[in-house]
Amino acid sequence: MSTLAEHPRPKRPALRTARGRKTQAAIDAAARAVVARKGILATTVADIAAEAGRSTASFYNYYDSKEAMVREWAMRFQDEAAERARTVTGHGLTDRERVCEAAAAHWNTYRHRLAEMISVSQLAMVNADFADYWAELCAVPIAFFTEMVKRAQAQGNCPHDDPHLVAEAIVSMFNQFCYIQLGNDRTDVDDQACITTLANIVYRAIYGKEAS
């Protein structure tokens, strides 16, 4: 299995200058905009360069390919996503509050790192390395929800469910819902309504009492 940590970020001379950092930031911003509209599979280096108002040669000063760019993006935001996940493991939260925090953490990761999430998930369909990266990124929320289901079962909830399968179903639902709501440059999304919807679905699935 390939992990993000096995692919150290290349050190390029251009990044040592303020101009180089500014140019890379412009390329990254352009790439994120194009990916949000078209997805990574339909995006070309020429698309990114045109969006940034620069040549394709400029892109290759910073990245060897669009896949290398996405790999570096994922490495940059991996720690950020893990930090968001820590907010849902604090003591003193009720079951409802913990579910709401988990929904908000996942939504906000997608909201603030939309291009990364779209890119890694789509490349995972055609590239074995990225399939491993996607599994690695999803492993944290899956582990969290697995433990949540186990705790709920100790309280008499969802007694016949497989905790890991429930967790995988929840995270898959979260990912698809976030993609549908936030992809394609949508500007009419109500963040709180979406977070509340995700939280309500998960809470009912895990803590709702089955009818006798």
Protein backbone atom coordinates (compact mmCIF):
# COMPACT_ATOMS: atom_id res chain seq x y z
CA MET A 1 0.00 0.00 0.00
CA SER A 2 1.35 3.43 -0.97
CA THR A 3 1.01 6.26 1.55
CA LEU A 4 1.39 10.01 1.24
CA ALA A 5 4.34 9.99 3.62
CA GLU A 6 6.31 7.81 1.17
CA HIS A 7 6.29 10.62 -1.40
CA PRO A 8 8.35 13.53 0.00
CA ARG A 9 7.60 16.93 -1.51
CA PRO A 10 10.23 17.93 -4.10
CA LYS A 11 12.35 21.00 -3.34
CA ARG A 12 12.43 23.27 -6.36
CA PRO A 13 14.73 26.32 -6.58
CA ALA A 14 11.91 28.61 -7.75
CA LEU A 15 10.20 28.25 -4.36
CA ARG A 16 13.08 29.99 -2.61
CA THR A 17 12.07 33.37 -4.04
CA ALA A 18 9.01 35.46 -3.27
CA ARG A 19 8.24 35.54 -6.97
CA GLY A 20 8.41 31.75 -7.18
CA ARG A 21 6.05 31.33 -4.24
CA LYS A 22 3.63 33.86 -5.73
CA THR A 23 3.64 32.08 -9.09
CA GLN A 24 3.02 28.69 -7.49
CA ALA A 25 0.18 30.14 -5.44
CA ALA A 26 -1.38 31.52 -8.64
CA ILE A 27 -1.04 28.12 -10.35
CA ASP A 28 -2.57 26.36 -7.33
CA ALA A 29 -5.49 28.80 -7.21
CA ALA A 30 -6.12 28.39 -10.94
CA ALA A 31 -5.94 24.60 -10.66
CA ARG A 32 -8.41 24.56 -7.77
CA ALA A 33 -10.85 26.68 -9.75
CA VAL A 34 -10.65 24.45 -12.82
CA VAL A 35 -10.89 21.23 -10.81
CA ALA A 36 -13.95 22.53 -8.95
CA ARG A 37 -15.64 23.13 -12.34
CA LYS A 38 -14.46 20.16 -14.38
CA GLY A 39 -13.03 17.56 -12.01
CA ILE A 40 -9.40 16.45 -12.12
CA LEU A 41 -9.84 13.78 -14.82
CA ALA A 42 -11.10 16.33 -17.37
CA THR A 43 -8.61 19.01 -16.34
CA THR A 44 -5.42 19.42 -18.37
CA VAL A 45 -2.21 21.26 -17.59
CA ALA A 46 -3.11 23.63 -20.45
CA ASP A 47 -6.44 24.39 -18.72
CA ILE A 48 -4.63 25.25 -15.51
CA ALA A 49 -2.03 27.41 -17.24
CA ALA A 50 -4.72 29.29 -19.18
CA GLU A 51 -6.72 29.91 -16.00
CA ALA A 52 -3.58 31.26 -14.30
CA GLY A 53 -2.63 33.39 -17.29
CA ARG A 54 0.72 31.63 -17.58
CA SER A 55 2.44 29.20 -19.92
CA THR A 56 2.37 25.44 -19.52
CA ALA A 57 6.16 25.64 -19.05
CA SER A 58 5.52 27.73 -15.93
CA PHE A 59 3.39 24.91 -14.49
CA TYR A 60 6.21 22.42 -14.99
CA ASN A 61 8.58 24.63 -12.99
CA TYR A 62 6.58 23.59 -9.93
CA TYR A 63 5.00 20.22 -10.69
CA ASP A 64 6.01 17.27 -12.86
CA SER A 65 2.37 16.50 -13.66
CA LYS A 66 -1.15 17.23 -12.47
CA GLU A 67 -0.97 14.01 -10.44
CA ALA A 68 2.19 15.28 -8.70
CA MET A 69 0.36 18.53 -7.96
CA VAL A 70 -2.56 16.68 -6.36
CA ARG A 71 -0.18 14.51 -4.33
CA GLU A 72 1.48 17.63 -2.93
CA TRP A 73 -1.92 19.21 -2.18
CA ALA A 74 -2.95 16.12 -0.26
CA MET A 75 0.25 16.18 1.77
CA ARG A 76 -0.32 19.85 2.65
CA PHE A 77 -3.84 19.39 3.95
CA GLN A 78 -3.50 15.98 5.61
CA ASP A 79 -2.45 17.49 8.95
CA GLU A 80 -5.22 20.10 8.71
CA ALA A 81 -7.86 17.41 8.24
CA ALA A 82 -6.48 15.43 11.17
CA GLU A 83 -6.62 18.54 13.38
CA ARG A 84 -10.29 19.09 12.47
CA ALA A 85 -11.01 15.47 13.36
CA ARG A 86 -9.62 16.01 16.87
CA THR A 87 -12.44 18.41 17.70
CA VAL A 88 -14.92 15.51 17.77
CA THR A 89 -12.96 13.40 20.25
CA GLY A 90 -13.07 15.84 23.18
CA HIS A 91 -14.58 14.82 26.49
CA GLY A 92 -17.85 16.19 27.80
CA LEU A 93 -19.83 16.12 24.54
CA THR A 94 -23.26 14.51 24.36
CA ASP A 95 -23.90 11.92 21.67
CA ARG A 96 -25.84 14.49 19.63
CA GLU A 97 -23.07 17.10 20.00
CA ARG A 98 -20.40 14.62 18.98
CA VAL A 99 -22.33 13.67 15.84
CA CYS A 100 -22.81 17.35 14.98
CA GLU A 101 -19.09 18.04 15.47
CA ALA A 102 -18.21 15.08 13.24
CA ALA A 103 -20.56 16.28 10.49
CA ALA A 104 -19.19 19.81 10.71
CA ALA A 105 -15.57 18.60 10.60
CA HIS A 106 -16.18 16.54 7.47
CA TRP A 107 -18.19 19.27 5.75
CA ASN A 108 -15.61 21.97 6.52
CA THR A 109 -12.78 19.79 5.24
CA TYR A 110 -14.64 19.44 1.95
CA ARG A 111 -15.63 23.12 1.93
CA HIS A 112 -12.08 24.42 2.44
CA ARG A 113 -10.24 21.70 0.52
CA LEU A 114 -12.72 20.94 -2.25
CA ALA A 115 -10.15 20.58 -5.04
CA GLU A 116 -8.04 18.19 -2.98
CA MET A 117 -11.00 15.99 -2.07
CA ILE A 118 -12.36 15.91 -5.63
CA SER A 119 -8.94 15.25 -7.13
CA VAL A 120 -7.84 12.45 -4.83
CA SER A 121 -11.24 10.71 -4.96
CA GLN A 122 -11.43 10.87 -8.76
CA LEU A 123 -7.83 9.82 -9.34
CA ALA A 124 -8.46 6.92 -6.96
CA MET A 125 -10.72 5.44 -9.64
CA VAL A 126 -7.89 5.15 -12.17
CA ASN A 127 -4.66 5.13 -10.18
CA ALA A 128 -3.69 2.54 -7.56
CA ASP A 129 -1.50 4.96 -5.59
CA PHE A 130 -4.32 7.46 -5.29
CA ALA A 131 -6.72 4.68 -4.32
CA ASP A 132 -4.39 4.06 -1.38
CA TYR A 133 -4.23 7.79 -0.57
CA TRP A 134 -8.03 8.04 -0.63
CA ALA A 135 -8.32 5.05 1.69
CA GLU A 136 -5.76 6.68 4.00
CA LEU A 137 -7.71 9.95 4.08
CA CYS A 138 -11.00 8.17 4.77
CA ALA A 139 -9.52 5.92 7.45
CA VAL A 140 -9.68 8.58 10.18
CA PRO A 141 -13.43 9.31 9.96
CA ILE A 142 -14.19 5.61 9.41
CA ALA A 143 -12.32 4.70 12.60
CA PHE A 144 -14.15 7.45 14.51
CA PHE A 145 -17.60 6.31 13.40
CA THR A 146 -16.72 2.66 14.03
CA GLU A 147 -16.00 3.50 17.65
CA MET A 148 -19.14 5.64 17.86
CA VAL A 149 -21.28 2.70 16.72
CA LYS A 150 -19.60 0.38 19.22
CA ARG A 151 -20.34 2.81 22.05
CA ALA A 152 -23.93 3.17 20.85
CA GLN A 153 -24.33 -0.62 20.79
CA ALA A 154 -23.18 -0.75 24.40
CA GLN A 155 -26.17 1.50 25.14
CA GLY A 156 -28.52 -0.84 23.30
CA ASN A 157 -28.65 0.94 19.94
CA CYS A 158 -28.28 -0.62 16.46
CA PRO A 159 -27.57 -4.04 18.02
CA HIS A 160 -27.41 -6.09 14.83
CA ASP A 161 -25.19 -3.82 12.71
CA ASP A 162 -21.53 -4.29 11.84
CA PRO A 163 -19.81 -1.16 13.26
CA HIS A 164 -17.16 -0.94 10.55
CA LEU A 165 -19.66 -1.36 7.72
CA VAL A 166 -21.92 1.29 9.23
CA ALA A 167 -18.92 3.64 9.49
CA GLU A 168 -17.93 3.03 5.86
CA ALA A 169 -21.51 3.69 4.74
CA ILE A 170 -21.64 6.95 6.70
CA VAL A 171 -18.33 8.25 5.36
CA SER A 172 -19.28 7.28 1.80
CA MET A 173 -22.57 9.15 2.21
CA PHE A 174 -20.74 12.19 3.62
CA ASN A 175 -18.29 12.25 0.70
CA GLN A 176 -20.94 11.96 -1.99
CA PHE A 177 -23.25 14.48 -0.33
CA CYS A 178 -20.43 17.02 0.04
CA TYR A 179 -19.39 16.53 -3.59
CA ILE A 180 -22.95 17.01 -4.89
CA GLN A 181 -23.50 20.11 -2.77
CA LEU A 182 -20.14 21.81 -3.23
CA GLY A 183 -18.96 20.71 -6.68
CA ASN A 184 -19.50 22.56 -9.96
CA ASP A 185 -18.84 25.99 -8.39
CA ARG A 186 -22.19 26.11 -6.60
CA THR A 187 -22.73 29.36 -4.70
CA ASP A 188 -26.20 28.74 -3.24
CA VAL A 189 -25.20 26.23 -0.55
CA ASP A 190 -26.42 26.69 3.03
CA ASP A 191 -23.55 25.30 5.10
CA GLN A 192 -25.46 24.99 8.35
CA ALA A 193 -28.44 23.31 6.72
CA CYS A 194 -26.15 20.75 5.10
CA ILE A 195 -24.26 20.06 8.34
CA THR A 196 -27.54 19.68 10.23
CA THR A 197 -28.89 17.29 7.59
CA LEU A 198 -25.80 15.07 7.79
CA ALA A 199 -25.87 15.11 11.59
CA ASN A 200 -29.57 14.23 11.76
CA ILE A 201 -29.19 11.29 9.38
CA VAL A 202 -26.22 9.88 11.30
CA TYR A 203 -27.82 10.40 14.70
CA ARG A 204 -31.01 8.61 13.66
CA ALA A 205 -29.04 5.78 12.07
CA ILE A 206 -26.87 5.15 15.13
CA TYR A 207 -28.96 6.27 18.10
CA GLY A 208 -32.53 5.92 16.86
CA LYS A 209 -34.38 3.15 18.64
CA GLU A 210 -35.74 0.42 16.38
CA ALA A 211 -39.48 -0.07 16.37
CA SER A 212 -40.55 -3.24 18.16
